[in-house]
Protein backbone atom coordinates (compact mmCIF):
# COMPACT_ATOMS: atom_id res chain seq x y z
CA MET A 1 -28.41 45.30 8.53
CA ASN A 2 -25.40 45.87 6.45
CA GLY A 3 -23.28 43.58 8.28
CA GLY A 4 -25.81 40.81 7.84
CA LEU A 5 -26.13 41.46 4.14
CA THR A 6 -22.40 41.48 3.92
CA GLN A 7 -22.03 38.29 5.81
CA SER A 8 -24.72 36.58 3.64
CA GLY A 9 -22.96 37.86 0.47
CA LYS A 10 -19.75 36.38 1.54
CA SER A 11 -21.50 33.09 2.28
CA LEU A 12 -23.26 33.03 -1.07
CA LEU A 13 -19.68 33.76 -2.90
CA SER A 14 -18.12 31.09 -0.97
CA GLU A 15 -20.70 28.56 -1.79
CA ASN A 16 -20.40 29.46 -5.56
CA GLN A 17 -16.57 29.45 -5.53
CA PRO A 18 -16.07 25.66 -5.88
CA GLU A 19 -18.38 25.49 -8.81
CA SER A 20 -16.41 28.17 -10.55
CA GLN A 21 -13.18 26.61 -9.83
CA ALA A 22 -14.50 23.34 -11.21
CA VAL A 23 -15.66 25.14 -14.43
CA ASP A 24 -12.10 26.63 -14.72
CA THR A 25 -10.35 23.31 -14.12
CA CYS A 26 -12.73 21.56 -16.76
CA TRP A 27 -11.81 24.13 -19.32
CA GLY A 28 -8.28 24.10 -18.46
CA ASN A 29 -8.08 20.19 -18.94
CA ARG A 30 -9.89 20.61 -22.26
CA TRP A 31 -7.31 23.34 -23.47
CA LYS A 32 -4.39 21.02 -22.32
CA CYS A 33 -5.58 18.03 -24.15
CA VAL A 34 -6.16 20.25 -27.40
CA TRP A 35 -2.65 21.58 -26.91
CA LYS A 36 -1.15 18.11 -26.51
CA MET A 37 -3.03 16.79 -29.61
CA GLY A 38 -1.75 19.60 -31.64
CA LEU A 39 1.85 18.84 -30.52
CA ASP A 40 1.36 15.18 -31.25
CA LEU A 41 0.33 16.14 -34.80
CA LEU A 42 3.44 18.54 -35.35
CA PHE A 43 5.78 16.33 -33.45
CA PRO A 44 4.57 12.82 -33.19
CA PRO A 45 5.68 10.89 -30.22
CA VAL A 46 8.49 8.38 -30.86
CA CYS A 47 10.15 5.52 -28.89
CA LEU A 48 13.13 6.59 -26.87
CA CYS A 49 15.08 3.68 -27.97
CA CYS A 50 14.31 2.78 -31.71
CA LEU A 51 12.94 6.31 -32.50
CA GLN A 52 9.94 5.01 -34.40
CA GLU A 53 6.56 6.71 -34.03
CA PHE A 54 4.12 5.38 -31.52
CA PRO A 55 0.69 3.97 -32.60
CA ALA A 56 -1.92 6.35 -31.53
CA ALA A 57 -3.09 4.32 -28.54
CA THR A 58 0.22 4.43 -26.94
CA VAL A 59 1.28 8.00 -27.15
CA ALA A 60 1.64 8.05 -23.31
CA ALA A 61 4.36 5.61 -23.28
CA LYS A 62 8.20 6.13 -23.41
CA LEU A 63 9.13 2.93 -25.18
CA CYS A 64 7.41 0.96 -27.80
CA GLN A 65 6.30 -2.57 -26.94
CA ASP A 66 9.22 -4.24 -28.82
CA CYS A 67 11.91 -2.12 -27.03
CA ASP A 68 10.26 -2.21 -23.76
CA GLU A 69 10.31 -6.14 -23.99
CA ALA A 70 13.94 -5.99 -25.23
CA LEU A 71 15.21 -3.78 -22.49
CA GLN A 72 13.64 -5.66 -19.43
CA ALA A 73 15.92 -7.48 -17.12
CA ASP A 74 17.73 -10.60 -18.51
CA SER A 75 16.61 -13.67 -16.64
CA SER A 76 19.65 -15.81 -17.61
CA THR A 77 21.55 -17.54 -14.80
CA LYS A 78 24.57 -15.42 -13.81
CA CYS A 79 27.59 -15.71 -11.37
CA PRO A 80 26.54 -13.80 -8.20
CA ARG A 81 30.30 -12.75 -7.69
CA CYS A 82 31.10 -11.27 -11.20
CA GLY A 83 27.80 -11.13 -13.05
CA GLN A 84 29.07 -13.44 -15.89
CA LEU A 85 26.67 -15.67 -17.61
CA VAL A 86 27.23 -19.23 -16.21
CA GLY A 87 24.44 -21.50 -17.27
CA ALA A 88 25.21 -25.17 -16.90
CA GLN A 89 28.89 -24.46 -15.97
CA ALA A 90 27.74 -22.90 -12.46
CA LEU A 91 29.21 -24.62 -9.53
CA PRO A 92 27.07 -25.88 -6.60
CA THR A 93 27.48 -22.35 -5.02
CA GLY A 94 26.15 -20.68 -8.09
CA SER A 95 29.32 -19.06 -8.93
CA CYS A 96 31.60 -19.48 -11.99
CA ALA A 97 34.82 -21.42 -11.73
CA GLY A 98 36.82 -18.25 -12.23
CA CYS A 99 35.43 -16.50 -9.16
CA CYS A 100 36.36 -19.21 -6.57
CA ASN A 101 39.86 -18.18 -6.27
CA SER A 102 39.67 -14.68 -7.74
CA GLY A 103 40.00 -13.00 -4.42
CA SER A 104 37.81 -10.11 -5.53
CA PRO A 105 36.73 -7.69 -2.85
CA ILE A 106 33.30 -7.53 -4.45
CA ASP A 107 30.82 -9.73 -2.48
CA GLN A 108 27.88 -9.70 -4.98
CA VAL A 109 26.92 -8.39 -8.35
CA TYR A 110 23.51 -7.58 -9.83
CA VAL A 111 23.08 -7.21 -13.53
CA HIS A 112 20.20 -5.89 -15.37
CA GLY A 113 21.06 -7.19 -18.93
CA ASN A 114 23.94 -7.84 -21.15
CA TYR A 115 25.84 -5.22 -23.12
CA ASP A 116 24.72 -6.06 -26.54
CA GLY A 117 21.70 -5.35 -28.80
CA PRO A 118 19.16 -2.59 -27.88
CA LEU A 119 20.59 -2.24 -24.45
CA ARG A 120 24.03 -1.43 -25.78
CA GLU A 121 22.70 1.26 -28.17
CA VAL A 122 20.61 2.80 -25.32
CA ILE A 123 23.66 2.98 -22.98
CA ILE A 124 25.69 4.86 -25.69
CA ARG A 125 23.03 7.37 -26.12
CA MET A 126 22.56 7.77 -22.30
CA LYS A 127 26.16 9.29 -22.18
CA ARG A 128 24.90 12.31 -24.16
CA ASP A 129 22.96 14.99 -22.16
CA ARG A 130 20.25 15.58 -24.76
CA TYR A 131 18.95 11.84 -23.85
CA GLU A 132 18.25 12.68 -20.20
CA ILE A 133 14.56 11.47 -20.67
CA LEU A 134 15.96 8.15 -21.91
CA THR A 135 18.36 7.92 -19.02
CA ARG A 136 15.53 8.57 -16.57
CA GLU A 137 13.28 5.88 -18.19
CA MET A 138 16.18 3.43 -18.08
CA ALA A 139 16.94 4.27 -14.47
CA ARG A 140 13.39 3.43 -13.62
CA LEU A 141 13.65 -0.02 -15.32
CA PHE A 142 17.08 -0.64 -13.65
CA ALA A 143 15.79 0.12 -10.28
CA ARG A 144 12.58 -2.00 -10.58
CA SER A 145 14.82 -4.92 -11.74
CA LEU A 146 17.33 -4.42 -8.83
CA ALA A 147 14.61 -4.33 -6.29
CA SER A 148 12.96 -7.55 -7.72
CA GLN A 149 16.28 -9.39 -7.53
CA TRP A 150 17.54 -8.07 -4.11
CA GLU A 151 17.89 -10.51 -1.34
CA GLY A 152 18.03 -9.80 2.29
CA ALA A 153 18.17 -6.41 4.13
CA PRO A 154 18.74 -3.23 1.94
CA PRO A 155 22.17 -1.63 1.81
CA ASP A 156 23.20 0.99 4.32
CA VAL A 157 24.74 3.21 1.53
CA VAL A 158 24.05 3.66 -2.15
CA ALA A 159 26.71 5.30 -4.10
CA ALA A 160 27.67 5.85 -7.68
CA VAL A 161 31.02 5.01 -9.57
CA PRO A 162 32.55 8.72 -9.77
CA VAL A 163 33.92 10.33 -12.95
CA HIS A 164 36.50 13.08 -13.16
CA TRP A 165 35.18 16.54 -13.04
CA LEU A 166 36.72 17.28 -16.59
CA ARG A 167 34.82 14.42 -18.07
CA ARG A 168 31.77 15.35 -16.34
CA MET A 169 32.07 18.88 -17.79
CA THR A 170 32.46 17.68 -21.28
CA ARG A 171 29.60 15.17 -21.02
CA CYS A 172 27.23 17.36 -18.81
CA THR A 173 25.81 14.08 -17.63
CA HIS A 174 26.59 11.37 -15.04
CA VAL A 175 24.63 8.15 -15.82
CA ALA A 176 25.97 6.15 -12.85
CA ALA A 177 24.57 8.95 -10.53
CA SER A 178 21.18 8.89 -12.23
CA LEU A 179 20.95 5.05 -11.89
CA ALA A 180 22.10 5.40 -8.15
CA ARG A 181 19.49 8.06 -7.20
CA THR A 182 16.62 5.96 -8.67
CA ALA A 183 17.88 2.80 -7.23
CA GLY A 184 18.23 4.33 -3.67
CA ASP A 185 14.62 5.53 -3.98
CA GLN A 186 13.38 1.99 -5.03
CA LEU A 187 15.28 0.45 -2.15
CA GLU A 188 14.32 3.35 0.28
CA VAL A 189 17.86 4.07 0.89
CA PRO A 190 18.84 7.80 0.38
CA PRO A 191 21.86 7.80 -2.13
CA THR A 192 25.14 9.33 -1.10
CA ILE A 193 26.25 10.42 -4.65
CA ASP A 194 29.42 12.19 -3.39
CA LEU A 195 30.54 9.20 -1.34
CA LEU A 196 33.03 8.04 -3.81
CA LEU A 197 35.62 10.62 -5.47
CA CYS A 198 37.81 10.36 -8.51
CA THR A 199 41.22 11.83 -7.60
CA ARG A 200 42.77 12.05 -10.98
CA ARG A 201 42.11 12.03 -14.77
CA MET A 202 42.34 8.26 -16.06
CA GLY A 203 42.78 7.04 -19.66
CA LYS A 204 39.76 5.61 -21.42
CA GLN A 205 39.16 2.21 -20.42
CA ALA A 206 37.51 0.95 -23.51
CA TRP A 207 40.77 0.78 -25.57
CA MET A 208 42.88 -1.09 -22.82
CA LEU A 209 43.66 -4.61 -22.31
CA PRO A 210 42.57 -6.00 -18.71
CA ASP A 211 46.08 -5.65 -17.08
CA ALA A 212 46.41 -2.10 -18.39
CA ARG A 213 42.87 -1.19 -17.17
CA ARG A 214 43.97 -2.36 -13.65
CA ARG A 215 46.91 -0.25 -13.60
CA ASN A 216 45.04 2.65 -15.08
CA VAL A 217 42.51 2.78 -12.15
CA ARG A 218 44.90 1.81 -9.37
CA GLY A 219 44.83 4.52 -6.70
CA GLY A 220 42.40 6.66 -8.72
CA PHE A 221 39.59 6.78 -6.25
CA ALA A 222 38.93 7.78 -2.71
CA VAL A 223 36.15 7.81 -0.07
CA SER A 224 34.75 11.14 1.02
CA SER A 225 36.12 12.25 4.48
CA THR A 226 32.59 13.38 5.51
CA THR A 227 31.00 9.79 5.45
CA SER A 228 32.13 6.84 7.28
CA VAL A 229 31.51 3.30 5.65
CA GLN A 230 32.99 1.35 8.56
CA GLY A 231 30.69 -1.64 9.33
CA LYS A 232 28.33 -0.77 6.46
CA HIS A 233 26.97 -2.64 3.51
CA VAL A 234 27.82 -0.32 0.46
CA LEU A 235 26.02 -0.56 -2.90
CA VAL A 236 28.06 0.69 -5.73
CA VAL A 237 26.21 1.50 -8.94
CA ASP A 238 27.58 1.85 -12.46
CA ASP A 239 26.15 1.74 -16.07
CA VAL A 240 28.64 -1.07 -17.53
CA MET A 241 30.79 -3.59 -15.94
CA THR A 242 33.35 -4.85 -18.42
CA THR A 243 36.47 -6.62 -16.93
CA GLY A 244 35.64 -5.35 -13.53
CA ALA A 245 38.86 -3.48 -13.00
CA THR A 246 37.14 -0.26 -11.92
CA LEU A 247 34.66 -1.92 -9.46
CA ASP A 248 37.29 -4.06 -8.11
CA GLU A 249 39.46 -1.17 -7.38
CA ILE A 250 36.50 0.69 -5.66
CA ALA A 251 35.44 -2.27 -3.69
CA ARG A 252 39.10 -2.83 -2.39
CA MET A 253 39.18 0.78 -1.23
CA LEU A 254 35.98 0.49 0.48
CA LYS A 255 36.97 -2.73 2.28
CA GLN A 256 40.17 -0.75 3.44
CA LYS A 257 37.84 1.72 4.98
CA ARG A 258 36.26 -1.12 6.97
CA ALA A 259 33.01 -1.58 4.83
CA ARG A 260 31.40 -4.73 5.95
CA ARG A 261 30.08 -5.66 2.61
CA VAL A 262 30.25 -4.30 -1.07
CA THR A 263 27.48 -5.15 -3.60
CA VAL A 264 27.70 -3.97 -7.13
CA ALA A 265 24.72 -3.16 -9.36
CA VAL A 266 25.20 -2.44 -13.08
CA LEU A 267 22.71 -1.86 -15.82
CA ALA A 268 24.79 -4.04 -18.33
CA ARG A 269 27.63 -6.56 -18.13
CA GLY A 270 30.02 -6.81 -20.94
CA LEU A 271 30.43 -10.07 -22.87
CA GLY A 272 33.43 -11.67 -24.23
CA ASP A 273 36.15 -14.41 -23.60
CA THR A 274 37.99 -12.03 -21.16
CA ILE A 275 35.05 -11.72 -18.79
CA GLY A 276 34.45 -13.95 -15.85
CA THR A 277 38.04 -15.44 -15.75
CA GLY A 278 38.56 -14.22 -12.09
CA SER A 279 41.85 -12.43 -13.00
CA LEU A 280 40.19 -10.27 -15.47
CA ARG A 281 37.58 -8.31 -13.86
CA ARG A 282 35.42 -2.38 -15.31
C-alpha cells in the first residue's frame, strides 16, 4: 500500500513540476525586464558609433539608424585587384589601369567601405580593447557584406594579418583576428588565426611613404609550419588597406608556399592619390 501511495505521490509531483517551472520562469522574465528597465533609466543605451542615446523604441539595437546606414557596405564600383574606386575609368576587365601591369600577388580584393567618415572613426575606436562590443558589431556587418559579394567556391583557409606580440600586449586587441573569425563563420570555413606570423617588430606604417612601407614589411611575416597552404585558396583579412604593402608582402609569401590563390578582404580601403597606381600598394 505504501509503495502504491509513494508511486502516486511521485506521479502527482511530476505532473505539477512543469507548472511550477513555468511560474518560476514567468516571474524570472518579469524581474529581468524590470532590471533592464532600471538599467536603461540609469544608463540609457547609446549608439556604438555616434554615442547618441537611442529612442525608446530601439533600445535593443547596437547602432542608431543613421549610423547603421552609413556603415553598410559601399556599393561603388571598385577594382577587383586592388579595391580602389574606379567608376568610369574601369577597363573592360573591371580592373583599374594601374593593376594591369602591377604584378601584384593578390588575386582579388573585397572591400566593405572607404576609410573616411563614420567608418574611419569606428575603426580607430576598434583598436582599443574597451570598444570590443563595437568590434563585434562591425565584424558582423563586415562578414555579412563579404558573404553577399563572394563569388564562387568558398576559400580553403581564412587567416588574419598578424601583429607583433608586443603591439598586441599594449593594445590588448586584435581587430583583424576578430574580423577573420566572424568572416570564417559566415563563409562556413573555420578560421586559422595563427596561420600567419609576424616575425619581428616593424615601424608604424601610417607615417611612412609607400617605398618605405614596402621596405618596412619585407621579410616580416611567415607561415606557420603546422599548416600547409599548398594548392589552397587563402583568404587574408585585415581592417584597413592603404598602399597595399603589407598585404602584398603576405600574398607574395603565401604564393612562395605554393598557395593556389590569395584573396584579401578588408573592412576599409584608404583613399588618396597614392592608392591604386599599381606600384603603390598596406
